[in-house]
Amino acid sequence: MHNNSLIKLLRSFSPKEISDFKEFLNSPYFNKKKSVIELFVYIQKYYPDFTDDALSKRICMKIYFRGKFIMTVISEFLFIIFMNWQKVHCIQ
């Protein structure tokens, strides 16, 4: 997951941008999936480098989906986070 396009993007964010983006994701208007926010909060812990081994997709899935490893779910949530960034970018 370290080379994921979302992770690459988040590395470029300032601390304020990370905080603002988290606030945006918490908006029920733009995001209705609680698990997406939880995943972002988990990923955010590793800001700014995002190099920790705990960022593997398998570990993220075990933490948030009670040990069930469903690659498509975490990929979908990463995509939703990325698409929300595009919304923020368009709004600004």
N, C-alpha and C. Protein backbone atom coordinates (compact mmCIF):
# COMPACT_ATOMS: atom_id res chain seq x y z
N MET A 1 0.82 -1.19 0.00
CA MET A 1 0.00 0.00 0.00
C MET A 1 0.87 1.26 0.00
N HIS A 2 2.15 1.11 0.28
CA HIS A 2 3.04 2.27 0.35
C HIS A 2 3.16 3.01 -0.97
N ASN A 3 2.95 2.32 -2.08
CA ASN A 3 3.06 2.95 -3.39
C ASN A 3 1.71 3.26 -4.01
N ASN A 4 0.66 3.15 -3.22
CA ASN A 4 -0.68 3.47 -3.67
C ASN A 4 -0.74 4.94 -4.05
N SER A 5 -1.53 5.28 -5.06
CA SER A 5 -1.62 6.68 -5.51
C SER A 5 -2.15 7.60 -4.41
N LEU A 6 -3.05 7.09 -3.57
CA LEU A 6 -3.55 7.91 -2.47
C LEU A 6 -2.43 8.22 -1.49
N ILE A 7 -1.64 7.23 -1.13
CA ILE A 7 -0.53 7.44 -0.19
C ILE A 7 0.46 8.43 -0.77
N LYS A 8 0.77 8.29 -2.04
CA LYS A 8 1.68 9.24 -2.69
C LYS A 8 1.12 10.66 -2.60
N LEU A 9 -0.16 10.81 -2.81
CA LEU A 9 -0.80 12.12 -2.73
C LEU A 9 -0.74 12.66 -1.30
N LEU A 10 -1.08 11.83 -0.32
CA LEU A 10 -1.12 12.28 1.07
C LEU A 10 0.26 12.69 1.58
N ARG A 11 1.30 12.09 1.05
CA ARG A 11 2.67 12.49 1.44
C ARG A 11 2.94 13.95 1.10
N SER A 12 2.27 14.46 0.08
CA SER A 12 2.51 15.84 -0.36
C SER A 12 1.71 16.86 0.45
N PHE A 13 0.80 16.41 1.30
CA PHE A 13 -0.05 17.31 2.07
C PHE A 13 0.70 17.93 3.24
N SER A 14 0.36 19.18 3.51
CA SER A 14 0.84 19.83 4.73
C SER A 14 0.01 19.30 5.90
N PRO A 15 0.45 19.50 7.13
CA PRO A 15 -0.37 19.07 8.28
C PRO A 15 -1.77 19.69 8.25
N LYS A 16 -1.88 20.93 7.84
CA LYS A 16 -3.19 21.57 7.77
C LYS A 16 -4.06 20.93 6.69
N GLU A 17 -3.47 20.60 5.56
CA GLU A 17 -4.24 19.95 4.50
C GLU A 17 -4.75 18.58 4.93
N ILE A 18 -3.93 17.84 5.65
CA ILE A 18 -4.36 16.53 6.16
C ILE A 18 -5.55 16.73 7.11
N SER A 19 -5.44 17.69 7.99
CA SER A 19 -6.51 17.97 8.95
C SER A 19 -7.78 18.42 8.24
N ASP A 20 -7.64 19.31 7.28
CA ASP A 20 -8.80 19.80 6.52
C ASP A 20 -9.46 18.68 5.73
N PHE A 21 -8.65 17.81 5.17
CA PHE A 21 -9.21 16.71 4.39
C PHE A 21 -9.97 15.74 5.29
N LYS A 22 -9.44 15.48 6.47
CA LYS A 22 -10.13 14.62 7.43
C LYS A 22 -11.49 15.23 7.79
N GLU A 23 -11.50 16.53 7.99
CA GLU A 23 -12.76 17.22 8.29
C GLU A 23 -13.75 17.07 7.13
N PHE A 24 -13.25 17.20 5.93
CA PHE A 24 -14.09 17.03 4.74
C PHE A 24 -14.67 15.62 4.70
N LEU A 25 -13.84 14.62 4.94
CA LEU A 25 -14.32 13.23 4.93
C LEU A 25 -15.37 12.98 6.00
N ASN A 26 -15.28 13.69 7.09
CA ASN A 26 -16.26 13.54 8.17
C ASN A 26 -17.60 14.18 7.86
N SER A 27 -17.67 14.91 6.77
CA SER A 27 -18.92 15.55 6.38
C SER A 27 -19.90 14.51 5.83
N PRO A 28 -21.06 14.37 6.44
CA PRO A 28 -22.04 13.40 5.93
C PRO A 28 -22.55 13.77 4.53
N TYR A 29 -22.37 15.01 4.14
CA TYR A 29 -22.79 15.44 2.81
C TYR A 29 -21.90 14.80 1.73
N PHE A 30 -20.61 14.71 2.00
CA PHE A 30 -19.67 14.18 1.01
C PHE A 30 -19.34 12.71 1.19
N ASN A 31 -19.52 12.19 2.38
CA ASN A 31 -19.13 10.81 2.64
C ASN A 31 -20.08 10.20 3.67
N LYS A 32 -20.69 9.12 3.32
CA LYS A 32 -21.66 8.48 4.20
C LYS A 32 -21.15 7.14 4.76
N LYS A 33 -19.92 6.78 4.44
CA LYS A 33 -19.38 5.49 4.89
C LYS A 33 -18.42 5.70 6.07
N LYS A 34 -18.86 5.27 7.23
CA LYS A 34 -18.05 5.41 8.43
C LYS A 34 -16.72 4.67 8.31
N SER A 35 -16.73 3.54 7.65
CA SER A 35 -15.49 2.75 7.50
C SER A 35 -14.44 3.48 6.68
N VAL A 36 -14.87 4.33 5.76
CA VAL A 36 -13.92 5.12 4.97
C VAL A 36 -13.19 6.10 5.89
N ILE A 37 -13.93 6.73 6.77
CA ILE A 37 -13.33 7.67 7.72
C ILE A 37 -12.38 6.92 8.65
N GLU A 38 -12.80 5.76 9.14
CA GLU A 38 -11.94 4.97 10.03
C GLU A 38 -10.65 4.57 9.33
N LEU A 39 -10.74 4.19 8.07
CA LEU A 39 -9.54 3.83 7.32
C LEU A 39 -8.63 5.04 7.16
N PHE A 40 -9.21 6.19 6.85
CA PHE A 40 -8.38 7.40 6.71
C PHE A 40 -7.69 7.74 8.02
N VAL A 41 -8.40 7.65 9.14
CA VAL A 41 -7.82 7.95 10.45
C VAL A 41 -6.65 6.99 10.72
N TYR A 42 -6.84 5.72 10.35
CA TYR A 42 -5.76 4.74 10.52
C TYR A 42 -4.55 5.12 9.65
N ILE A 43 -4.79 5.46 8.41
CA ILE A 43 -3.71 5.83 7.49
C ILE A 43 -3.02 7.10 7.98
N GLN A 44 -3.81 8.05 8.46
CA GLN A 44 -3.29 9.34 8.89
C GLN A 44 -2.27 9.21 10.02
N LYS A 45 -2.38 8.17 10.83
CA LYS A 45 -1.43 7.96 11.93
C LYS A 45 0.01 7.89 11.43
N TYR A 46 0.18 7.51 10.19
CA TYR A 46 1.52 7.29 9.64
C TYR A 46 2.02 8.48 8.80
N TYR A 47 1.28 9.57 8.85
CA TYR A 47 1.70 10.81 8.19
C TYR A 47 2.95 11.33 8.89
N PRO A 48 3.95 11.86 8.23
CA PRO A 48 4.01 12.24 6.82
C PRO A 48 4.69 11.21 5.91
N ASP A 49 5.36 10.20 6.49
CA ASP A 49 6.13 9.29 5.65
C ASP A 49 5.33 8.13 5.08
N PHE A 50 4.38 7.61 5.85
CA PHE A 50 3.56 6.48 5.42
C PHE A 50 4.42 5.27 5.02
N THR A 51 5.45 5.00 5.82
CA THR A 51 6.34 3.89 5.48
C THR A 51 6.22 2.70 6.42
N ASP A 52 5.46 2.82 7.47
CA ASP A 52 5.34 1.75 8.46
C ASP A 52 4.74 0.49 7.84
N ASP A 53 5.21 -0.67 8.28
CA ASP A 53 4.68 -1.94 7.77
C ASP A 53 3.20 -2.13 8.12
N ALA A 54 2.75 -1.44 9.15
CA ALA A 54 1.34 -1.55 9.55
C ALA A 54 0.39 -0.98 8.50
N LEU A 55 0.92 -0.37 7.49
CA LEU A 55 0.08 0.17 6.42
C LEU A 55 -0.25 -0.84 5.34
N SER A 56 0.11 -2.08 5.52
CA SER A 56 -0.22 -3.06 4.49
C SER A 56 -1.74 -3.24 4.44
N LYS A 57 -2.25 -3.57 3.27
CA LYS A 57 -3.70 -3.76 3.11
C LYS A 57 -4.21 -4.87 4.01
N ARG A 58 -3.43 -5.90 4.16
CA ARG A 58 -3.86 -7.04 4.98
C ARG A 58 -4.05 -6.61 6.44
N ILE A 59 -3.13 -5.83 6.97
CA ILE A 59 -3.25 -5.37 8.36
C ILE A 59 -4.43 -4.43 8.50
N CYS A 60 -4.60 -3.52 7.56
CA CYS A 60 -5.75 -2.60 7.61
C CYS A 60 -7.05 -3.39 7.64
N MET A 61 -7.14 -4.41 6.83
CA MET A 61 -8.36 -5.21 6.77
C MET A 61 -8.60 -5.93 8.09
N LYS A 62 -7.55 -6.47 8.68
CA LYS A 62 -7.72 -7.19 9.95
C LYS A 62 -8.19 -6.25 11.04
N ILE A 63 -7.71 -5.03 11.02
CA ILE A 63 -8.10 -4.07 12.05
C ILE A 63 -9.55 -3.63 11.86
N TYR A 64 -9.94 -3.34 10.65
CA TYR A 64 -11.26 -2.75 10.43
C TYR A 64 -12.36 -3.71 10.04
N PHE A 65 -12.00 -4.90 9.64
CA PHE A 65 -13.03 -5.83 9.18
C PHE A 65 -12.94 -7.17 9.90
N ARG A 66 -12.51 -7.11 11.15
CA ARG A 66 -12.49 -8.27 12.04
C ARG A 66 -11.82 -9.50 11.42
N GLY A 67 -10.69 -9.27 10.81
CA GLY A 67 -9.91 -10.38 10.30
C GLY A 67 -10.30 -10.87 8.92
N LYS A 68 -11.38 -10.38 8.37
CA LYS A 68 -11.77 -10.81 7.03
C LYS A 68 -10.97 -10.02 6.01
N PHE A 69 -10.30 -10.71 5.16
CA PHE A 69 -9.47 -10.04 4.15
C PHE A 69 -10.21 -10.02 2.82
N ILE A 70 -10.75 -8.89 2.52
CA ILE A 70 -11.49 -8.73 1.27
C ILE A 70 -10.84 -7.56 0.52
N MET A 71 -9.93 -7.89 -0.37
CA MET A 71 -9.13 -6.88 -1.07
C MET A 71 -10.00 -5.83 -1.77
N THR A 72 -11.11 -6.26 -2.34
CA THR A 72 -11.93 -5.30 -3.07
C THR A 72 -12.51 -4.23 -2.16
N VAL A 73 -12.78 -4.56 -0.91
CA VAL A 73 -13.35 -3.58 0.01
C VAL A 73 -12.34 -2.49 0.31
N ILE A 74 -11.14 -2.87 0.69
CA ILE A 74 -10.15 -1.84 1.02
C ILE A 74 -9.77 -1.04 -0.22
N SER A 75 -9.72 -1.66 -1.37
CA SER A 75 -9.43 -0.93 -2.61
C SER A 75 -10.54 0.07 -2.91
N GLU A 76 -11.77 -0.34 -2.67
CA GLU A 76 -12.91 0.57 -2.89
C GLU A 76 -12.82 1.76 -1.94
N PHE A 77 -12.50 1.52 -0.67
CA PHE A 77 -12.43 2.60 0.30
C PHE A 77 -11.27 3.55 -0.02
N LEU A 78 -10.15 3.02 -0.46
CA LEU A 78 -9.04 3.88 -0.87
C LEU A 78 -9.45 4.73 -2.06
N PHE A 79 -10.18 4.15 -2.97
CA PHE A 79 -10.67 4.88 -4.14
C PHE A 79 -11.64 5.99 -3.70
N ILE A 80 -12.53 5.69 -2.76
CA ILE A 80 -13.48 6.70 -2.27
C ILE A 80 -12.74 7.87 -1.63
N ILE A 81 -11.72 7.56 -0.84
CA ILE A 81 -10.92 8.63 -0.23
C ILE A 81 -10.28 9.48 -1.31
N PHE A 82 -9.71 8.83 -2.32
CA PHE A 82 -9.06 9.56 -3.42
C PHE A 82 -10.08 10.42 -4.17
N MET A 83 -11.24 9.89 -4.44
CA MET A 83 -12.28 10.66 -5.15
C MET A 83 -12.74 11.85 -4.32
N ASN A 84 -12.78 11.68 -3.00
CA ASN A 84 -13.14 12.80 -2.15
C ASN A 84 -12.08 13.88 -2.19
N TRP A 85 -10.82 13.48 -2.30
CA TRP A 85 -9.77 14.48 -2.45
C TRP A 85 -10.01 15.28 -3.74
N GLN A 86 -10.40 14.61 -4.81
CA GLN A 86 -10.67 15.33 -6.05
C GLN A 86 -11.81 16.33 -5.88
N LYS A 87 -12.81 15.98 -5.09
CA LYS A 87 -13.91 16.92 -4.81
C LYS A 87 -13.36 18.15 -4.07
N VAL A 88 -12.53 17.90 -3.06
CA VAL A 88 -11.95 19.01 -2.31
C VAL A 88 -11.14 19.90 -3.24
N HIS A 89 -10.36 19.28 -4.06
CA HIS A 89 -9.51 20.01 -5.00
C HIS A 89 -10.35 20.87 -5.95
N CYS A 90 -11.45 20.36 -6.42
CA CYS A 90 -12.33 21.12 -7.31
C CYS A 90 -13.02 22.28 -6.59
N ILE A 91 -13.36 22.05 -5.33
CA ILE A 91 -14.04 23.09 -4.55
C ILE A 91 -13.11 24.25 -4.26
N GLN A 92 -11.85 23.93 -3.98
CA GLN A 92 -10.89 24.98 -3.65
C GLN A 92 -10.54 25.69 -4.92
